[in-house]
Amino acid sequence: MKRVYELDVYKLAEELSDMVWNDFDKWNKKVQNTVGYQIIRSSDSIAANIAEGYGRYTPADRKKFYLYSRGSLEETKSWLR
């Protein structure tokens, strides 16, 4: 079984999070303090929930965290529009 860090979906989630963090410093303080921190939290949560779900024992637990991850992805997309 692969490690979570080897999964393509996890790598993509980490890449998105890194892009958000790299762009954060380019935003003005108002944007950082309003939506900026929320975008960071939601984008970081994508990979975190994939990792947590991957480490769970039961299929139901894994599914729950994968769905949380998908929700965080949709939230991030909403903030970035």
PDB file of N, CA and C in Angstrom:
ATOM      1  N   MET A   1       0.845  -1.176   0.000  1.00  0.00           N
ATOM      2  CA  MET A   1       0.000   0.000   0.000  1.00  0.00           C
ATOM      3  C   MET A   1       0.895   1.245   0.000  1.00  0.00           C
ATOM      4  N   LYS A   2       0.540   2.188  -0.824  1.00  0.00           N
ATOM      5  CA  LYS A   2       1.305   3.435  -0.906  1.00  0.00           C
ATOM      6  C   LYS A   2       1.157   4.247   0.369  1.00  0.00           C
ATOM      7  N   ARG A   3       2.130   5.106   0.589  1.00  0.00           N
ATOM      8  CA  ARG A   3       1.994   6.106   1.645  1.00  0.00           C
ATOM      9  C   ARG A   3       1.134   7.238   1.100  1.00  0.00           C
ATOM     10  N   VAL A   4       0.470   7.931   1.997  1.00  0.00           N
ATOM     11  CA  VAL A   4      -0.422   9.003   1.566  1.00  0.00           C
ATOM     12  C   VAL A   4       0.332  10.042   0.741  1.00  0.00           C
ATOM     13  N   TYR A   5       1.588  10.285   1.083  1.00  0.00           N
ATOM     14  CA  TYR A   5       2.384  11.304   0.394  1.00  0.00           C
ATOM     15  C   TYR A   5       2.702  10.932  -1.054  1.00  0.00           C
ATOM     16  N   GLU A   6       2.476   9.673  -1.402  1.00  0.00           N
ATOM     17  CA  GLU A   6       2.732   9.208  -2.765  1.00  0.00           C
ATOM     18  C   GLU A   6       1.497   9.299  -3.667  1.00  0.00           C
ATOM     19  N   LEU A   7       0.351   9.552  -3.098  1.00  0.00           N
ATOM     20  CA  LEU A   7      -0.886   9.613  -3.878  1.00  0.00           C
ATOM     21  C   LEU A   7      -0.942  10.892  -4.702  1.00  0.00           C
ATOM     22  N   ASP A   8      -1.342  10.759  -5.959  1.00  0.00           N
ATOM     23  CA  ASP A   8      -1.434  11.931  -6.835  1.00  0.00           C
ATOM     24  C   ASP A   8      -2.396  12.976  -6.284  1.00  0.00           C
ATOM     25  N   VAL A   9      -3.510  12.536  -5.741  1.00  0.00           N
ATOM     26  CA  VAL A   9      -4.506  13.478  -5.223  1.00  0.00           C
ATOM     27  C   VAL A   9      -3.930  14.270  -4.049  1.00  0.00           C
ATOM     28  N   TYR A  10      -3.140  13.612  -3.216  1.00  0.00           N
ATOM     29  CA  TYR A  10      -2.514  14.306  -2.092  1.00  0.00           C
ATOM     30  C   TYR A  10      -1.484  15.314  -2.602  1.00  0.00           C
ATOM     31  N   LYS A  11      -0.699  14.910  -3.588  1.00  0.00           N
ATOM     32  CA  LYS A  11       0.307  15.813  -4.160  1.00  0.00           C
ATOM     33  C   LYS A  11      -0.349  17.056  -4.768  1.00  0.00           C
ATOM     34  N   LEU A  12      -1.464  16.866  -5.453  1.00  0.00           N
ATOM     35  CA  LEU A  12      -2.180  18.006  -6.034  1.00  0.00           C
ATOM     36  C   LEU A  12      -2.729  18.931  -4.950  1.00  0.00           C
ATOM     37  N   ALA A  13      -3.238  18.348  -3.890  1.00  0.00           N
ATOM     38  CA  ALA A  13      -3.757  19.160  -2.784  1.00  0.00           C
ATOM     39  C   ALA A  13      -2.636  19.975  -2.143  1.00  0.00           C
ATOM     40  N   GLU A  14      -1.484  19.365  -1.973  1.00  0.00           N
ATOM     41  CA  GLU A  14      -0.330  20.082  -1.416  1.00  0.00           C
ATOM     42  C   GLU A  14       0.132  21.191  -2.361  1.00  0.00           C
ATOM     43  N   GLU A  15       0.104  20.905  -3.646  1.00  0.00           N
ATOM     44  CA  GLU A  15       0.498  21.909  -4.636  1.00  0.00           C
ATOM     45  C   GLU A  15      -0.437  23.124  -4.585  1.00  0.00           C
ATOM     46  N   LEU A  16      -1.728  22.879  -4.481  1.00  0.00           N
ATOM     47  CA  LEU A  16      -2.690  23.978  -4.373  1.00  0.00           C
ATOM     48  C   LEU A  16      -2.435  24.798  -3.111  1.00  0.00           C
ATOM     49  N   SER A  17      -2.232  24.121  -2.004  1.00  0.00           N
ATOM     50  CA  SER A  17      -1.965  24.818  -0.749  1.00  0.00           C
ATOM     51  C   SER A  17      -0.700  25.670  -0.848  1.00  0.00           C
ATOM     52  N   ASP A  18       0.335  25.120  -1.450  1.00  0.00           N
ATOM     53  CA  ASP A  18       1.583  25.881  -1.631  1.00  0.00           C
ATOM     54  C   ASP A  18       1.363  27.119  -2.492  1.00  0.00           C
ATOM     55  N   MET A  19       0.547  26.987  -3.537  1.00  0.00           N
ATOM     56  CA  MET A  19       0.265  28.132  -4.405  1.00  0.00           C
ATOM     57  C   MET A  19      -0.457  29.231  -3.627  1.00  0.00           C
ATOM     58  N   VAL A  20      -1.409  28.840  -2.797  1.00  0.00           N
ATOM     59  CA  VAL A  20      -2.134  29.828  -1.993  1.00  0.00           C
ATOM     60  C   VAL A  20      -1.175  30.527  -1.036  1.00  0.00           C
ATOM     61  N   TRP A  21      -0.343  29.754  -0.354  1.00  0.00           N
ATOM     62  CA  TRP A  21       0.618  30.354   0.579  1.00  0.00           C
ATOM     63  C   TRP A  21       1.582  31.291  -0.141  1.00  0.00           C
ATOM     64  N   ASN A  22       2.037  30.902  -1.322  1.00  0.00           N
ATOM     65  CA  ASN A  22       2.983  31.743  -2.069  1.00  0.00           C
ATOM     66  C   ASN A  22       2.347  33.053  -2.522  1.00  0.00           C
ATOM     67  N   ASP A  23       1.064  33.018  -2.842  1.00  0.00           N
ATOM     68  CA  ASP A  23       0.377  34.229  -3.293  1.00  0.00           C
ATOM     69  C   ASP A  23      -0.069  35.123  -2.141  1.00  0.00           C
ATOM     70  N   PHE A  24      -0.209  34.570  -0.959  1.00  0.00           N
ATOM     71  CA  PHE A  24      -0.738  35.300   0.194  1.00  0.00           C
ATOM     72  C   PHE A  24       0.024  36.600   0.456  1.00  0.00           C
ATOM     73  N   ASP A  25       1.333  36.553   0.402  1.00  0.00           N
ATOM     74  CA  ASP A  25       2.140  37.752   0.685  1.00  0.00           C
ATOM     75  C   ASP A  25       1.958  38.851  -0.353  1.00  0.00           C
ATOM     76  N   LYS A  26       1.445  38.502  -1.515  1.00  0.00           N
ATOM     77  CA  LYS A  26       1.224  39.493  -2.574  1.00  0.00           C
ATOM     78  C   LYS A  26      -0.085  40.267  -2.371  1.00  0.00           C
ATOM     79  N   TRP A  27      -0.956  39.755  -1.509  1.00  0.00           N
ATOM     80  CA  TRP A  27      -2.244  40.392  -1.278  1.00  0.00           C
ATOM     81  C   TRP A  27      -2.091  41.524  -0.273  1.00  0.00           C
ATOM     82  N   ASN A  28      -2.923  42.548  -0.416  1.00  0.00           N
ATOM     83  CA  ASN A  28      -2.871  43.636   0.564  1.00  0.00           C
ATOM     84  C   ASN A  28      -3.431  43.154   1.907  1.00  0.00           C
ATOM     85  N   LYS A  29      -3.166  43.919   2.944  1.00  0.00           N
ATOM     86  CA  LYS A  29      -3.543  43.510   4.310  1.00  0.00           C
ATOM     87  C   LYS A  29      -5.047  43.300   4.475  1.00  0.00           C
ATOM     88  N   LYS A  30      -5.837  44.122   3.799  1.00  0.00           N
ATOM     89  CA  LYS A  30      -7.291  43.971   3.910  1.00  0.00           C
ATOM     90  C   LYS A  30      -7.727  42.611   3.384  1.00  0.00           C
ATOM     91  N   VAL A  31      -7.204  42.223   2.243  1.00  0.00           N
ATOM     92  CA  VAL A  31      -7.546  40.921   1.665  1.00  0.00           C
ATOM     93  C   VAL A  31      -7.012  39.799   2.553  1.00  0.00           C
ATOM     94  N   GLN A  32      -5.780  39.944   3.028  1.00  0.00           N
ATOM     95  CA  GLN A  32      -5.213  38.923   3.912  1.00  0.00           C
ATOM     96  C   GLN A  32      -6.088  38.711   5.144  1.00  0.00           C
ATOM     97  N   ASN A  33      -6.539  39.807   5.728  1.00  0.00           N
ATOM     98  CA  ASN A  33      -7.280  39.718   6.987  1.00  0.00           C
ATOM     99  C   ASN A  33      -8.748  39.355   6.824  1.00  0.00           C
ATOM    100  N   THR A  34      -9.278  39.455   5.627  1.00  0.00           N
ATOM    101  CA  THR A  34     -10.685  39.099   5.427  1.00  0.00           C
ATOM    102  C   THR A  34     -10.789  37.689   4.848  1.00  0.00           C
ATOM    103  N   VAL A  35     -10.492  37.525   3.584  1.00  0.00           N
ATOM    104  CA  VAL A  35     -10.629  36.206   2.965  1.00  0.00           C
ATOM    105  C   VAL A  35      -9.325  35.424   2.928  1.00  0.00           C
ATOM    106  N   GLY A  36      -8.211  36.102   3.051  1.00  0.00           N
ATOM    107  CA  GLY A  36      -6.912  35.438   2.910  1.00  0.00           C
ATOM    108  C   GLY A  36      -6.697  34.287   3.862  1.00  0.00           C
ATOM    109  N   TYR A  37      -6.925  34.539   5.136  1.00  0.00           N
ATOM    110  CA  TYR A  37      -6.712  33.480   6.125  1.00  0.00           C
ATOM    111  C   TYR A  37      -7.712  32.338   5.950  1.00  0.00           C
ATOM    112  N   GLN A  38      -8.915  32.659   5.509  1.00  0.00           N
ATOM    113  CA  GLN A  38      -9.905  31.611   5.280  1.00  0.00           C
ATOM    114  C   GLN A  38      -9.503  30.736   4.094  1.00  0.00           C
ATOM    115  N   ILE A  39      -8.950  31.344   3.050  1.00  0.00           N
ATOM    116  CA  ILE A  39      -8.481  30.563   1.901  1.00  0.00           C
ATOM    117  C   ILE A  39      -7.340  29.649   2.326  1.00  0.00           C
ATOM    118  N   ILE A  40      -6.448  30.146   3.153  1.00  0.00           N
ATOM    119  CA  ILE A  40      -5.349  29.311   3.645  1.00  0.00           C
ATOM    120  C   ILE A  40      -5.892  28.127   4.437  1.00  0.00           C
ATOM    121  N   ARG A  41      -6.828  28.385   5.343  1.00  0.00           N
ATOM    122  CA  ARG A  41      -7.383  27.294   6.151  1.00  0.00           C
ATOM    123  C   ARG A  41      -8.080  26.248   5.287  1.00  0.00           C
ATOM    124  N   SER A  42      -8.888  26.702   4.348  1.00  0.00           N
ATOM    125  CA  SER A  42      -9.631  25.734   3.535  1.00  0.00           C
ATOM    126  C   SER A  42      -8.705  24.963   2.601  1.00  0.00           C
ATOM    127  N   SER A  43      -7.705  25.627   2.026  1.00  0.00           N
ATOM    128  CA  SER A  43      -6.798  24.913   1.117  1.00  0.00           C
ATOM    129  C   SER A  43      -5.885  23.954   1.877  1.00  0.00           C
ATOM    130  N   ASP A  44      -5.441  24.327   3.067  1.00  0.00           N
ATOM    131  CA  ASP A  44      -4.632  23.413   3.879  1.00  0.00           C
ATOM    132  C   ASP A  44      -5.442  22.199   4.324  1.00  0.00           C
ATOM    133  N   SER A  45      -6.727  22.401   4.522  1.00  0.00           N
ATOM    134  CA  SER A  45      -7.601  21.341   5.004  1.00  0.00           C
ATOM    135  C   SER A  45      -7.798  20.222   3.977  1.00  0.00           C
ATOM    136  N   ILE A  46      -7.625  20.521   2.714  1.00  0.00           N
ATOM    137  CA  ILE A  46      -7.825  19.506   1.670  1.00  0.00           C
ATOM    138  C   ILE A  46      -6.863  18.345   1.883  1.00  0.00           C
ATOM    139  N   ALA A  47      -5.567  18.630   1.884  1.00  0.00           N
ATOM    140  CA  ALA A  47      -4.564  17.575   2.063  1.00  0.00           C
ATOM    141  C   ALA A  47      -4.643  16.963   3.459  1.00  0.00           C
ATOM    142  N   ALA A  48      -4.920  17.796   4.462  1.00  0.00           N
ATOM    143  CA  ALA A  48      -4.993  17.284   5.834  1.00  0.00           C
ATOM    144  C   ALA A  48      -6.096  16.238   5.974  1.00  0.00           C
ATOM    145  N   ASN A  49      -7.241  16.487   5.360  1.00  0.00           N
ATOM    146  CA  ASN A  49      -8.335  15.517   5.449  1.00  0.00           C
ATOM    147  C   ASN A  49      -8.070  14.273   4.616  1.00  0.00           C
ATOM    148  N   ILE A  50      -7.375  14.417   3.500  1.00  0.00           N
ATOM    149  CA  ILE A  50      -6.978  13.230   2.735  1.00  0.00           C
ATOM    150  C   ILE A  50      -6.066  12.364   3.596  1.00  0.00           C
ATOM    151  N   ALA A  51      -5.089  12.985   4.233  1.00  0.00           N
ATOM    152  CA  ALA A  51      -4.154  12.243   5.082  1.00  0.00           C
ATOM    153  C   ALA A  51      -4.871  11.586   6.258  1.00  0.00           C
ATOM    154  N   GLU A  52      -5.764  12.324   6.894  1.00  0.00           N
ATOM    155  CA  GLU A  52      -6.471  11.752   8.037  1.00  0.00           C
ATOM    156  C   GLU A  52      -7.366  10.596   7.606  1.00  0.00           C
ATOM    157  N   GLY A  53      -8.064  10.763   6.500  1.00  0.00           N
ATOM    158  CA  GLY A  53      -8.896   9.679   6.004  1.00  0.00           C
ATOM    159  C   GLY A  53      -8.084   8.457   5.618  1.00  0.00           C
ATOM    160  N   TYR A  54      -6.938   8.684   5.023  1.00  0.00           N
ATOM    161  CA  TYR A  54      -6.066   7.585   4.605  1.00  0.00           C
ATOM    162  C   TYR A  54      -5.584   6.778   5.807  1.00  0.00           C
ATOM    163  N   GLY A  55      -5.444   7.442   6.931  1.00  0.00           N
ATOM    164  CA  GLY A  55      -4.977   6.765   8.134  1.00  0.00           C
ATOM    165  C   GLY A  55      -6.074   6.094   8.943  1.00  0.00           C
ATOM    166  N   ARG A  56      -7.304   6.254   8.552  1.00  0.00           N
ATOM    167  CA  ARG A  56      -8.423   5.647   9.280  1.00  0.00           C
ATOM    168  C   ARG A  56      -8.563   4.176   8.915  1.00  0.00           C
ATOM    169  N   TYR A  57      -9.142   3.423   9.830  1.00  0.00           N
ATOM    170  CA  TYR A  57      -9.232   1.978   9.657  1.00  0.00           C
ATOM    171  C   TYR A  57     -10.453   1.542   8.852  1.00  0.00           C
ATOM    172  N   THR A  58     -11.607   2.095   9.152  1.00  0.00           N
ATOM    173  CA  THR A  58     -12.818   1.603   8.495  1.00  0.00           C
ATOM    174  C   THR A  58     -13.109   2.387   7.218  1.00  0.00           C
ATOM    175  N   PRO A  59     -13.714   1.726   6.247  1.00  0.00           N
ATOM    176  CA  PRO A  59     -14.092   2.429   5.020  1.00  0.00           C
ATOM    177  C   PRO A  59     -15.015   3.619   5.286  1.00  0.00           C
ATOM    178  N   ALA A  60     -15.916   3.489   6.255  1.00  0.00           N
ATOM    179  CA  ALA A  60     -16.834   4.596   6.561  1.00  0.00           C
ATOM    180  C   ALA A  60     -16.067   5.809   7.084  1.00  0.00           C
ATOM    181  N   ASP A  61     -15.077   5.574   7.937  1.00  0.00           N
ATOM    182  CA  ASP A  61     -14.253   6.682   8.436  1.00  0.00           C
ATOM    183  C   ASP A  61     -13.456   7.323   7.311  1.00  0.00           C
ATOM    184  N   ARG A  62     -12.866   6.493   6.457  1.00  0.00           N
ATOM    185  CA  ARG A  62     -12.094   7.039   5.329  1.00  0.00           C
ATOM    186  C   ARG A  62     -12.985   7.894   4.443  1.00  0.00           C
ATOM    187  N   LYS A  63     -14.150   7.379   4.119  1.00  0.00           N
ATOM    188  CA  LYS A  63     -15.075   8.111   3.252  1.00  0.00           C
ATOM    189  C   LYS A  63     -15.456   9.455   3.856  1.00  0.00           C
ATOM    190  N   LYS A  64     -15.706   9.477   5.154  1.00  0.00           N
ATOM    191  CA  LYS A  64     -16.103  10.713   5.826  1.00  0.00           C
ATOM    192  C   LYS A  64     -15.036  11.792   5.635  1.00  0.00           C
ATOM    193  N   PHE A  65     -13.774  11.436   5.831  1.00  0.00           N
ATOM    194  CA  PHE A  65     -12.715  12.432   5.705  1.00  0.00           C
ATOM    195  C   PHE A  65     -12.447  12.805   4.254  1.00  0.00           C
ATOM    196  N   TYR A  66     -12.636  11.866   3.341  1.00  0.00           N
ATOM    197  CA  TYR A  66     -12.489  12.216   1.924  1.00  0.00           C
ATOM    198  C   TYR A  66     -13.588  13.189   1.503  1.00  0.00           C
ATOM    199  N   LEU A  67     -14.775  13.028   2.059  1.00  0.00           N
ATOM    200  CA  LEU A  67     -15.856  13.978   1.772  1.00  0.00           C
ATOM    201  C   LEU A  67     -15.576  15.344   2.393  1.00  0.00           C
ATOM    202  N   TYR A  68     -14.983  15.361   3.580  1.00  0.00           N
ATOM    203  CA  TYR A  68     -14.561  16.639   4.173  1.00  0.00           C
ATOM    204  C   TYR A  68     -13.555  17.334   3.260  1.00  0.00           C
ATOM    205  N   SER A  69     -12.644  16.541   2.711  1.00  0.00           N
ATOM    206  CA  SER A  69     -11.633  17.094   1.815  1.00  0.00           C
ATOM    207  C   SER A  69     -12.282  17.702   0.577  1.00  0.00           C
ATOM    208  N   ARG A  70     -13.236  17.001   0.023  1.00  0.00           N
ATOM    209  CA  ARG A  70     -13.943  17.528  -1.146  1.00  0.00           C
ATOM    210  C   ARG A  70     -14.681  18.815  -0.798  1.00  0.00           C
ATOM    211  N   GLY A  71     -15.269  18.859   0.385  1.00  0.00           N
ATOM    212  CA  GLY A  71     -15.934  20.081   0.833  1.00  0.00           C
ATOM    213  C   GLY A  71     -14.961  21.238   0.965  1.00  0.00           C
ATOM    214  N   SER A  72     -13.777  20.967   1.484  1.00  0.00           N
ATOM    215  CA  SER A  72     -12.757  22.013   1.608  1.00  0.00           C
ATOM    216  C   SER A  72     -12.288  22.490   0.242  1.00  0.00           C
ATOM    217  N   LEU A  73     -12.207  21.580  -0.713  1.00  0.00           N
ATOM    218  CA  LEU A  73     -11.848  21.969  -2.079  1.00  0.00           C
ATOM    219  C   LEU A  73     -12.900  22.911  -2.653  1.00  0.00           C
ATOM    220  N   GLU A  74     -14.160  22.571  -2.490  1.00  0.00           N
ATOM    221  CA  GLU A  74     -15.228  23.427  -3.010  1.00  0.00           C
ATOM    222  C   GLU A  74     -15.233  24.788  -2.316  1.00  0.00           C
ATOM    223  N   GLU A  75     -14.956  24.796  -1.013  1.00  0.00           N
ATOM    224  CA  GLU A  75     -14.876  26.067  -0.295  1.00  0.00           C
ATOM    225  C   GLU A  75     -13.728  26.918  -0.846  1.00  0.00           C
ATOM    226  N   THR A  76     -12.585  26.293  -1.064  1.00  0.00           N
ATOM    227  CA  THR A  76     -11.429  27.018  -1.604  1.00  0.00           C
ATOM    228  C   THR A  76     -11.747  27.589  -2.972  1.00  0.00           C
ATOM    229  N   LYS A  77     -12.368  26.787  -3.818  1.00  0.00           N
ATOM    230  CA  LYS A  77     -12.740  27.272  -5.151  1.00  0.00           C
ATOM    231  C   LYS A  77     -13.679  28.469  -5.047  1.00  0.00           C
ATOM    232  N   SER A  78     -14.601  28.409  -4.107  1.00  0.00           N
ATOM    233  CA  SER A  78     -15.540  29.511  -3.923  1.00  0.00           C
ATOM    234  C   SER A  78     -14.819  30.792  -3.522  1.00  0.00           C
ATOM    235  N   TRP A  79     -13.863  30.706  -2.605  1.00  0.00           N
ATOM    236  CA  TRP A  79     -13.118  31.885  -2.168  1.00  0.00           C
ATOM    237  C   TRP A  79     -12.256  32.463  -3.278  1.00  0.00           C
ATOM    238  N   LEU A  80     -11.776  31.625  -4.162  1.00  0.00           N
ATOM    239  CA  LEU A  80     -10.854  32.088  -5.206  1.00  0.00           C
ATOM    240  C   LEU A  80     -11.560  32.694  -6.414  1.00  0.00           C
ATOM    241  N   ARG A  81     -12.854  32.640  -6.477  1.00  0.00           N
ATOM    242  CA  ARG A  81     -13.587  33.189  -7.625  1.00  0.00           C
ATOM    243  C   ARG A  81     -13.604  34.677  -7.617  1.00  0.00           C
TER     244      ARG A  81
END
